[in-house]
Amino acid sequence: MAMEIAQAIAAAKNGDKQAFHCLYQQFIGRVYAVCWRLLANRQKAEDASQDVFIKVWQQLPAFRGDSSFATWLHSIATRTAIDIWRTEKYLRLTDSSDELELAEQAVACSSNEAPLEQAIQRLPAQARAVFVLFALEGYQHQEIAALLGIAEGTSKAQYHRARQLLQEWLADE
């Protein structure tokens, strides 16, 4: 029988690895989805997901429950993926051949995904990150600017660019 989330959190805070495994099983899909959308690379998303759960294990004793566990975990996942994104220099402007290769890789890796998900993966890195954070994760442009180290106006412009590209691509299908 699956352990209740609150019980699993309490037990995992006390070092119960089986309880933590239950939390991992419950939330890995959501964590991976955030990482995949931001990083557009399966291996990096898998690595980021593992990093998230390492951080959660380390920080769990400090979790006070002021927000829901899912919200707290989601925040760690988003910040971890963004840190990796920055470290890997995804913010740099890529030349068109790199962008095309990334788009082809994303489409090939996500052949089973919905058309919108595929289109999101085709977006240029910065536009994709802004779109995911604003439209899917609910961050405001001011927060996105701080997270990505860009101007708020740049965040708004990248979001507008992403929406235009998605509308074009989805209209063609």
C-alpha atoms as a PDB file:
ATOM      1  CA  MET A   1       0.000   0.000   0.000  1.00  0.00           C
ATOM      2  CA  ALA A   2       1.316   3.428  -0.934  1.00  0.00           C
ATOM      3  CA  MET A   3       2.320   5.620   1.926  1.00  0.00           C
ATOM      4  CA  GLU A   4       0.423   8.935   2.288  1.00  0.00           C
ATOM      5  CA  ILE A   5       2.430  11.980   1.186  1.00  0.00           C
ATOM      6  CA  ALA A   6       2.395  13.637   4.633  1.00  0.00           C
ATOM      7  CA  GLN A   7       3.503  10.396   6.299  1.00  0.00           C
ATOM      8  CA  ALA A   8       6.209   9.869   3.688  1.00  0.00           C
ATOM      9  CA  ILE A   9       7.508  13.410   4.204  1.00  0.00           C
ATOM     10  CA  ALA A  10       7.618  12.965   7.989  1.00  0.00           C
ATOM     11  CA  ALA A  11       9.373   9.601   7.718  1.00  0.00           C
ATOM     12  CA  ALA A  12      11.812  10.798   5.043  1.00  0.00           C
ATOM     13  CA  LYS A  13      12.703  13.827   7.209  1.00  0.00           C
ATOM     14  CA  ASN A  14      13.851  11.301   9.787  1.00  0.00           C
ATOM     15  CA  GLY A  15      16.055   9.504   7.267  1.00  0.00           C
ATOM     16  CA  ASP A  16      13.641   6.788   6.070  1.00  0.00           C
ATOM     17  CA  LYS A  17      14.957   5.984   2.590  1.00  0.00           C
ATOM     18  CA  GLN A  18      11.948   3.860   1.671  1.00  0.00           C
ATOM     19  CA  ALA A  19       9.632   6.779   2.450  1.00  0.00           C
ATOM     20  CA  PHE A  20      11.816   9.051   0.346  1.00  0.00           C
ATOM     21  CA  HIS A  21      11.626   6.516  -2.477  1.00  0.00           C
ATOM     22  CA  CYS A  22       7.820   6.761  -2.283  1.00  0.00           C
ATOM     23  CA  LEU A  23       8.092  10.544  -2.647  1.00  0.00           C
ATOM     24  CA  TYR A  24      10.483  10.082  -5.551  1.00  0.00           C
ATOM     25  CA  GLN A  25       8.071   7.711  -7.318  1.00  0.00           C
ATOM     26  CA  GLN A  26       5.169  10.089  -6.737  1.00  0.00           C
ATOM     27  CA  PHE A  27       6.905  13.212  -8.072  1.00  0.00           C
ATOM     28  CA  ILE A  28       9.606  12.164 -10.560  1.00  0.00           C
ATOM     29  CA  GLY A  29       7.285  12.643 -13.546  1.00  0.00           C
ATOM     30  CA  ARG A  30       6.520  16.249 -12.670  1.00  0.00           C
ATOM     31  CA  VAL A  31      10.141  17.050 -11.903  1.00  0.00           C
ATOM     32  CA  TYR A  32      11.333  15.480 -15.158  1.00  0.00           C
ATOM     33  CA  ALA A  33       8.699  17.403 -17.159  1.00  0.00           C
ATOM     34  CA  VAL A  34       9.942  20.748 -15.828  1.00  0.00           C
ATOM     35  CA  CYS A  35      13.575  19.833 -16.515  1.00  0.00           C
ATOM     36  CA  TRP A  36      12.798  18.479 -19.998  1.00  0.00           C
ATOM     37  CA  ARG A  37      10.883  21.585 -21.017  1.00  0.00           C
ATOM     38  CA  LEU A  38      13.632  23.926 -19.865  1.00  0.00           C
ATOM     39  CA  LEU A  39      16.652  21.923 -21.029  1.00  0.00           C
ATOM     40  CA  ALA A  40      15.252  20.323 -24.231  1.00  0.00           C
ATOM     41  CA  ASN A  41      17.614  17.404 -23.830  1.00  0.00           C
ATOM     42  CA  ARG A  42      16.637  14.045 -22.351  1.00  0.00           C
ATOM     43  CA  GLN A  43      20.012  13.241 -20.776  1.00  0.00           C
ATOM     44  CA  LYS A  44      20.343  16.688 -19.204  1.00  0.00           C
ATOM     45  CA  ALA A  45      16.746  16.493 -17.980  1.00  0.00           C
ATOM     46  CA  GLU A  46      17.434  13.095 -16.393  1.00  0.00           C
ATOM     47  CA  ASP A  47      20.609  14.412 -14.757  1.00  0.00           C
ATOM     48  CA  ALA A  48      18.788  17.522 -13.541  1.00  0.00           C
ATOM     49  CA  SER A  49      15.977  15.387 -12.109  1.00  0.00           C
ATOM     50  CA  GLN A  50      18.496  13.365 -10.131  1.00  0.00           C
ATOM     51  CA  ASP A  51      20.130  16.576  -8.896  1.00  0.00           C
ATOM     52  CA  VAL A  52      16.718  17.820  -7.761  1.00  0.00           C
ATOM     53  CA  PHE A  53      16.087  14.750  -5.627  1.00  0.00           C
ATOM     54  CA  ILE A  54      19.581  14.904  -4.140  1.00  0.00           C
ATOM     55  CA  LYS A  55      18.852  18.498  -3.113  1.00  0.00           C
ATOM     56  CA  VAL A  56      15.437  17.512  -1.770  1.00  0.00           C
ATOM     57  CA  TRP A  57      16.981  14.730   0.341  1.00  0.00           C
ATOM     58  CA  GLN A  58      19.561  17.166   1.698  1.00  0.00           C
ATOM     59  CA  GLN A  59      17.069  19.988   2.333  1.00  0.00           C
ATOM     60  CA  LEU A  60      14.094  17.910   3.491  1.00  0.00           C
ATOM     61  CA  PRO A  61      14.840  18.283   7.216  1.00  0.00           C
ATOM     62  CA  ALA A  62      14.458  22.063   6.747  1.00  0.00           C
ATOM     63  CA  PHE A  63      11.084  21.728   4.953  1.00  0.00           C
ATOM     64  CA  ARG A  64       8.570  23.377   7.298  1.00  0.00           C
ATOM     65  CA  GLY A  65       5.421  22.852   5.281  1.00  0.00           C
ATOM     66  CA  ASP A  66       4.691  26.580   4.795  1.00  0.00           C
ATOM     67  CA  SER A  67       3.795  25.658   1.224  1.00  0.00           C
ATOM     68  CA  SER A  68       2.760  22.286  -0.138  1.00  0.00           C
ATOM     69  CA  PHE A  69       5.506  19.746  -0.698  1.00  0.00           C
ATOM     70  CA  ALA A  70       4.686  19.745  -4.429  1.00  0.00           C
ATOM     71  CA  THR A  71       5.156  23.528  -4.629  1.00  0.00           C
ATOM     72  CA  TRP A  72       8.426  23.366  -2.700  1.00  0.00           C
ATOM     73  CA  LEU A  73       9.699  20.517  -4.875  1.00  0.00           C
ATOM     74  CA  HIS A  74       8.620  22.314  -8.048  1.00  0.00           C
ATOM     75  CA  SER A  75      10.569  25.404  -7.006  1.00  0.00           C
ATOM     76  CA  ILE A  76      13.705  23.324  -6.443  1.00  0.00           C
ATOM     77  CA  ALA A  77      13.218  21.594  -9.812  1.00  0.00           C
ATOM     78  CA  THR A  78      12.781  24.872 -11.684  1.00  0.00           C
ATOM     79  CA  ARG A  79      15.796  26.516 -10.077  1.00  0.00           C
ATOM     80  CA  THR A  80      17.967  23.438 -10.579  1.00  0.00           C
ATOM     81  CA  ALA A  81      17.072  23.233 -14.283  1.00  0.00           C
ATOM     82  CA  ILE A  82      17.720  26.957 -14.722  1.00  0.00           C
ATOM     83  CA  ASP A  83      21.106  26.648 -12.978  1.00  0.00           C
ATOM     84  CA  ILE A  84      22.086  23.831 -15.339  1.00  0.00           C
ATOM     85  CA  TRP A  85      20.722  25.797 -18.286  1.00  0.00           C
ATOM     86  CA  ARG A  86      22.920  28.762 -17.374  1.00  0.00           C
ATOM     87  CA  THR A  87      25.977  26.606 -16.645  1.00  0.00           C
ATOM     88  CA  GLU A  88      25.671  24.890 -20.003  1.00  0.00           C
ATOM     89  CA  LYS A  89      25.496  28.325 -21.651  1.00  0.00           C
ATOM     90  CA  TYR A  90      22.057  27.848 -23.100  1.00  0.00           C
ATOM     91  CA  LEU A  91      21.614  31.616 -22.806  1.00  0.00           C
ATOM     92  CA  ARG A  92      24.239  32.255 -25.440  1.00  0.00           C
ATOM     93  CA  LEU A  93      22.962  33.085 -28.852  1.00  0.00           C
ATOM     94  CA  THR A  94      23.350  30.048 -31.019  1.00  0.00           C
ATOM     95  CA  ASP A  95      24.098  30.197 -34.691  1.00  0.00           C
ATOM     96  CA  SER A  96      21.374  28.937 -36.994  1.00  0.00           C
ATOM     97  CA  SER A  97      22.994  25.526 -37.575  1.00  0.00           C
ATOM     98  CA  ASP A  98      23.117  24.851 -33.811  1.00  0.00           C
ATOM     99  CA  GLU A  99      19.510  25.986 -33.505  1.00  0.00           C
ATOM    100  CA  LEU A 100      18.420  23.724 -36.365  1.00  0.00           C
ATOM    101  CA  GLU A 101      20.300  20.758 -34.896  1.00  0.00           C
ATOM    102  CA  LEU A 102      18.706  21.341 -31.495  1.00  0.00           C
ATOM    103  CA  ALA A 103      15.253  21.586 -33.074  1.00  0.00           C
ATOM    104  CA  GLU A 104      15.770  18.355 -35.015  1.00  0.00           C
ATOM    105  CA  GLN A 105      17.060  16.594 -31.897  1.00  0.00           C
ATOM    106  CA  ALA A 106      14.103  17.812 -29.858  1.00  0.00           C
ATOM    107  CA  VAL A 107      11.591  16.661 -32.470  1.00  0.00           C
ATOM    108  CA  ALA A 108      13.328  13.279 -32.828  1.00  0.00           C
ATOM    109  CA  CYS A 109      13.392  12.768 -29.053  1.00  0.00           C
ATOM    110  CA  SER A 110       9.781  13.766 -28.619  1.00  0.00           C
ATOM    111  CA  SER A 111       8.124  11.944 -31.497  1.00  0.00           C
ATOM    112  CA  ASN A 112       5.518  10.580 -29.083  1.00  0.00           C
ATOM    113  CA  GLU A 113       4.786  14.003 -27.600  1.00  0.00           C
ATOM    114  CA  ALA A 114       1.834  16.213 -28.476  1.00  0.00           C
ATOM    115  CA  PRO A 115       2.332  18.770 -31.293  1.00  0.00           C
ATOM    116  CA  LEU A 116       2.471  21.688 -28.837  1.00  0.00           C
ATOM    117  CA  GLU A 117       5.145  19.939 -26.757  1.00  0.00           C
ATOM    118  CA  GLN A 118       7.177  19.297 -29.920  1.00  0.00           C
ATOM    119  CA  ALA A 119       6.800  22.914 -30.999  1.00  0.00           C
ATOM    120  CA  ILE A 120       7.939  24.172 -27.588  1.00  0.00           C
ATOM    121  CA  GLN A 121      11.081  22.058 -27.887  1.00  0.00           C
ATOM    122  CA  ARG A 122      11.825  23.656 -31.288  1.00  0.00           C
ATOM    123  CA  LEU A 123      11.913  27.172 -29.820  1.00  0.00           C
ATOM    124  CA  PRO A 124      15.276  28.933 -29.486  1.00  0.00           C
ATOM    125  CA  ALA A 125      16.709  28.361 -26.005  1.00  0.00           C
ATOM    126  CA  GLN A 126      15.961  31.711 -24.405  1.00  0.00           C
ATOM    127  CA  ALA A 127      12.488  32.022 -25.937  1.00  0.00           C
ATOM    128  CA  ARG A 128      11.703  28.462 -24.804  1.00  0.00           C
ATOM    129  CA  ALA A 129      12.847  29.137 -21.235  1.00  0.00           C
ATOM    130  CA  VAL A 130      10.798  32.329 -20.984  1.00  0.00           C
ATOM    131  CA  PHE A 131       7.743  30.667 -22.526  1.00  0.00           C
ATOM    132  CA  VAL A 132       7.925  27.665 -20.210  1.00  0.00           C
ATOM    133  CA  LEU A 133       8.445  29.786 -17.114  1.00  0.00           C
ATOM    134  CA  PHE A 134       5.701  32.304 -17.972  1.00  0.00           C
ATOM    135  CA  ALA A 135       3.012  30.288 -19.739  1.00  0.00           C
ATOM    136  CA  LEU A 136       3.448  26.871 -18.124  1.00  0.00           C
ATOM    137  CA  GLU A 137       5.007  27.532 -14.730  1.00  0.00           C
ATOM    138  CA  GLY A 138       3.224  30.795 -13.862  1.00  0.00           C
ATOM    139  CA  TYR A 139       6.227  33.015 -13.186  1.00  0.00           C
ATOM    140  CA  GLN A 140       5.920  36.761 -13.849  1.00  0.00           C
ATOM    141  CA  HIS A 141       8.311  38.532 -16.230  1.00  0.00           C
ATOM    142  CA  GLN A 142      10.081  40.296 -13.358  1.00  0.00           C
ATOM    143  CA  GLU A 143      10.775  36.923 -11.706  1.00  0.00           C
ATOM    144  CA  ILE A 144      11.884  35.379 -15.008  1.00  0.00           C
ATOM    145  CA  ALA A 145      14.261  38.264 -15.610  1.00  0.00           C
ATOM    146  CA  ALA A 146      15.849  37.708 -12.208  1.00  0.00           C
ATOM    147  CA  LEU A 147      16.063  33.920 -12.662  1.00  0.00           C
ATOM    148  CA  LEU A 148      17.619  34.090 -16.135  1.00  0.00           C
ATOM    149  CA  GLY A 149      19.734  37.205 -15.605  1.00  0.00           C
ATOM    150  CA  ILE A 150      18.003  39.193 -18.373  1.00  0.00           C
ATOM    151  CA  ALA A 151      16.043  42.439 -18.511  1.00  0.00           C
ATOM    152  CA  GLU A 152      12.301  42.310 -17.879  1.00  0.00           C
ATOM    153  CA  GLY A 153      11.721  43.778 -21.356  1.00  0.00           C
ATOM    154  CA  THR A 154      13.816  40.977 -22.850  1.00  0.00           C
ATOM    155  CA  SER A 155      11.643  38.436 -21.066  1.00  0.00           C
ATOM    156  CA  LYS A 156       8.507  40.026 -22.519  1.00  0.00           C
ATOM    157  CA  ALA A 157      10.039  40.191 -26.003  1.00  0.00           C
ATOM    158  CA  GLN A 158      11.163  36.547 -25.864  1.00  0.00           C
ATOM    159  CA  TYR A 159       7.699  35.467 -24.715  1.00  0.00           C
ATOM    160  CA  HIS A 160       6.118  37.359 -27.606  1.00  0.00           C
ATOM    161  CA  ARG A 161       8.632  35.776 -30.023  1.00  0.00           C
ATOM    162  CA  ALA A 162       7.885  32.304 -28.662  1.00  0.00           C
ATOM    163  CA  ARG A 163       4.129  32.784 -29.023  1.00  0.00           C
ATOM    164  CA  GLN A 164       4.511  33.988 -32.608  1.00  0.00           C
ATOM    165  CA  LEU A 165       6.701  31.024 -33.564  1.00  0.00           C
ATOM    166  CA  LEU A 166       4.374  28.530 -31.883  1.00  0.00           C
ATOM    167  CA  GLN A 167       1.338  30.001 -33.630  1.00  0.00           C
ATOM    168  CA  GLU A 168       3.128  29.803 -37.000  1.00  0.00           C
ATOM    169  CA  TRP A 169       4.313  26.241 -36.495  1.00  0.00           C
ATOM    170  CA  LEU A 170       1.019  24.951 -35.127  1.00  0.00           C
ATOM    171  CA  ALA A 171      -0.967  26.651 -37.906  1.00  0.00           C
ATOM    172  CA  ASP A 172       1.189  24.809 -40.482  1.00  0.00           C
ATOM    173  CA  GLU A 173       0.240  21.399 -39.044  1.00  0.00           C
END
